[in-house]
Amino acid sequence: MAEDPVRPLNIHASCVAIGGRGVLLRGPSGSGKSDLTLRLIDSYPDCRLVSDDRTDLTTRAGTLYARAPARIAGLLEVRGVGIVTLPFMAEAAIALLIDLVPRAAVPRLPASEPGKSGPQAGQSAELAGISLPRLALHAFDAATAAKIRLALSQF
């Protein structure tokens, strides 16, 4: 008997891969997922689109993977321009979760565990049974793309 394929968990998020490592950008409509995705791709030559606005998640061997639903693979909605086709990575292992929040909700310093400091001391979140490092950032701050790159280098 053939094994049933695992149905992916589809969430409202965008995903990029920076240096091959997945960064999941989670937030409601209008929070800046697509805008931040474009800025990350434009800022870093090693950044590739994985998915925009909707992301399929699967787990394998204790790792969370993201990919675009087939109908939107390689597509990015650029407000004021339209839907554009970009080179994309078919799948990325998620290394960092970014929750996009209003500017006032971004903590000056993330909550830390005793004896730890820096980005690695911040919060984590569980998604599809996998614990991920998590930061809350505002998508439209000028330094958000740089903050993501810096945080990714710390995990």
Protein backbone atom coordinates (compact mmCIF):
# COMPACT_ATOMS: atom_id res chain seq x y z
CA MET A 1 0.00 0.00 0.00
CA ALA A 2 1.38 3.41 -0.98
CA GLU A 3 2.05 5.91 1.77
CA ASP A 4 -0.11 9.05 1.78
CA PRO A 5 1.93 12.19 1.15
CA VAL A 6 2.09 14.57 4.08
CA ARG A 7 -0.20 17.52 3.52
CA PRO A 8 1.74 20.76 4.10
CA LEU A 9 0.61 23.37 6.58
CA ASN A 10 -0.27 26.51 4.58
CA ILE A 11 0.26 29.78 6.48
CA HIS A 12 0.01 33.51 5.80
CA ALA A 13 3.73 34.26 5.50
CA SER A 14 6.46 35.04 3.00
CA CYS A 15 9.84 33.35 2.91
CA VAL A 16 13.28 34.16 1.57
CA ALA A 17 16.52 32.22 1.67
CA ILE A 18 19.64 34.20 2.57
CA GLY A 19 22.78 32.23 1.89
CA GLY A 20 20.52 29.19 1.57
CA ARG A 21 19.02 29.64 5.07
CA GLY A 22 15.28 30.26 5.27
CA VAL A 23 13.77 33.32 6.92
CA LEU A 24 10.02 33.15 7.45
CA LEU A 25 8.25 36.55 7.50
CA ARG A 26 4.92 36.16 9.26
CA GLY A 27 2.24 38.82 9.59
CA PRO A 28 -1.29 39.86 8.65
CA SER A 29 -2.25 41.49 5.35
CA GLY A 30 -0.66 44.91 5.03
CA SER A 31 2.11 44.19 7.55
CA GLY A 32 4.83 44.50 4.89
CA LYS A 33 5.73 40.89 4.08
CA SER A 34 6.05 41.46 0.33
CA ASP A 35 7.73 44.85 0.71
CA LEU A 36 10.34 43.45 3.09
CA THR A 37 10.84 40.43 0.84
CA LEU A 38 11.62 42.77 -2.07
CA ARG A 39 14.04 44.84 0.04
CA LEU A 40 15.87 41.72 1.24
CA ILE A 41 16.21 40.39 -2.33
CA ASP A 42 17.35 43.82 -3.57
CA SER A 43 19.85 44.28 -0.71
CA TYR A 44 21.61 40.92 -0.67
CA PRO A 45 22.87 39.09 -3.77
CA ASP A 46 22.62 35.75 -1.95
CA CYS A 47 18.92 36.27 -1.11
CA ARG A 48 16.28 34.38 -3.09
CA LEU A 49 12.52 34.36 -3.02
CA VAL A 50 10.99 31.17 -1.67
CA SER A 51 7.35 32.26 -1.34
CA ASP A 52 5.24 35.40 -1.13
CA ASP A 53 2.17 35.83 1.08
CA ARG A 54 1.29 32.11 1.37
CA THR A 55 3.81 29.48 2.39
CA ASP A 56 3.58 25.71 2.64
CA LEU A 57 5.45 24.22 5.61
CA THR A 58 6.57 20.63 6.07
CA THR A 59 8.83 18.94 8.60
CA ARG A 60 11.47 16.33 7.93
CA ALA A 61 13.95 14.93 10.43
CA GLY A 62 13.27 17.69 12.96
CA THR A 63 13.69 20.54 10.46
CA LEU A 64 10.99 22.90 9.18
CA TYR A 65 10.96 23.49 5.42
CA ALA A 66 9.14 26.20 3.45
CA ARG A 67 8.07 26.28 -0.17
CA ALA A 68 5.60 28.22 -2.29
CA PRO A 69 2.27 26.72 -3.26
CA ALA A 70 2.69 25.65 -6.92
CA ARG A 71 0.31 28.27 -8.34
CA ILE A 72 2.35 31.20 -6.92
CA ALA A 73 5.92 29.85 -7.14
CA GLY A 74 8.30 32.58 -8.32
CA LEU A 75 5.70 35.35 -8.02
CA LEU A 76 6.02 38.46 -5.84
CA GLU A 77 3.34 41.12 -5.44
CA VAL A 78 4.98 44.55 -5.61
CA ARG A 79 2.49 47.18 -4.53
CA GLY A 80 2.18 49.90 -7.18
CA VAL A 81 3.99 47.78 -9.79
CA GLY A 82 2.05 44.51 -9.97
CA ILE A 83 2.85 40.83 -9.74
CA VAL A 84 6.39 40.12 -10.96
CA THR A 85 8.23 36.90 -11.69
CA LEU A 86 11.56 36.42 -9.91
CA PRO A 87 14.15 33.66 -9.66
CA PHE A 88 13.22 31.53 -6.68
CA MET A 89 14.44 28.71 -4.49
CA ALA A 90 12.07 25.72 -4.52
CA GLU A 91 12.51 24.99 -0.81
CA ALA A 92 14.42 26.30 2.20
CA ALA A 93 15.06 25.01 5.71
CA ILE A 94 13.80 27.67 8.12
CA ALA A 95 16.49 29.11 10.38
CA LEU A 96 14.70 32.24 11.66
CA LEU A 97 11.12 33.37 12.21
CA ILE A 98 10.30 37.07 11.96
CA ASP A 99 6.92 38.26 13.23
CA LEU A 100 6.04 41.59 11.62
CA VAL A 101 4.49 43.92 14.17
CA PRO A 102 3.64 47.63 14.50
CA ARG A 103 6.68 49.80 15.29
CA ALA A 104 5.50 50.40 18.89
CA ALA A 105 5.39 46.63 19.51
CA VAL A 106 9.06 46.03 18.66
CA PRO A 107 10.92 45.43 21.92
CA ARG A 108 14.00 47.57 22.40
CA LEU A 109 15.77 44.50 23.75
CA PRO A 110 14.28 41.04 23.28
CA ALA A 111 13.47 39.11 26.44
CA SER A 112 16.51 37.09 27.37
CA GLU A 113 17.34 34.00 29.31
CA PRO A 114 19.54 34.43 32.40
CA GLY A 115 23.21 34.63 31.45
CA LYS A 116 22.58 35.22 27.74
CA SER A 117 22.71 38.36 25.64
CA GLY A 118 22.48 39.31 21.98
CA PRO A 119 20.07 37.96 19.36
CA GLN A 120 20.57 34.34 20.40
CA ALA A 121 19.07 35.20 23.81
CA GLY A 122 15.76 36.31 22.30
CA GLN A 123 12.49 34.50 22.10
CA SER A 124 11.70 31.32 20.28
CA ALA A 125 8.42 30.12 18.85
CA GLU A 126 7.10 26.72 17.93
CA LEU A 127 5.74 26.22 14.44
CA ALA A 128 4.55 22.83 13.17
CA GLY A 129 6.17 21.26 16.23
CA ILE A 130 9.60 22.81 15.55
CA SER A 131 11.18 25.44 17.84
CA LEU A 132 12.61 28.41 15.92
CA PRO A 133 14.46 31.55 16.96
CA ARG A 134 11.97 34.42 16.70
CA LEU A 135 12.23 38.19 16.48
CA ALA A 136 9.46 40.79 16.35
CA LEU A 137 10.34 43.57 13.88
CA HIS A 138 8.58 46.36 12.00
CA ALA A 139 8.74 45.70 8.25
CA PHE A 140 8.95 49.33 7.21
CA ASP A 141 11.90 50.46 9.36
CA ALA A 142 14.91 51.33 7.20
CA ALA A 143 17.23 48.91 9.02
CA THR A 144 14.91 45.88 9.15
CA ALA A 145 16.64 44.03 6.29
CA ALA A 146 20.04 44.61 7.94
CA LYS A 147 18.66 43.48 11.31
CA ILE A 148 17.46 40.22 9.76
CA ARG A 149 20.84 39.58 8.11
CA LEU A 150 22.62 40.30 11.41
CA ALA A 151 20.26 38.10 13.44
CA LEU A 152 20.61 35.25 10.95
CA SER A 153 24.39 35.38 11.37
CA GLN A 154 23.96 34.91 15.13
CA PHE A 155 21.90 31.70 14.97
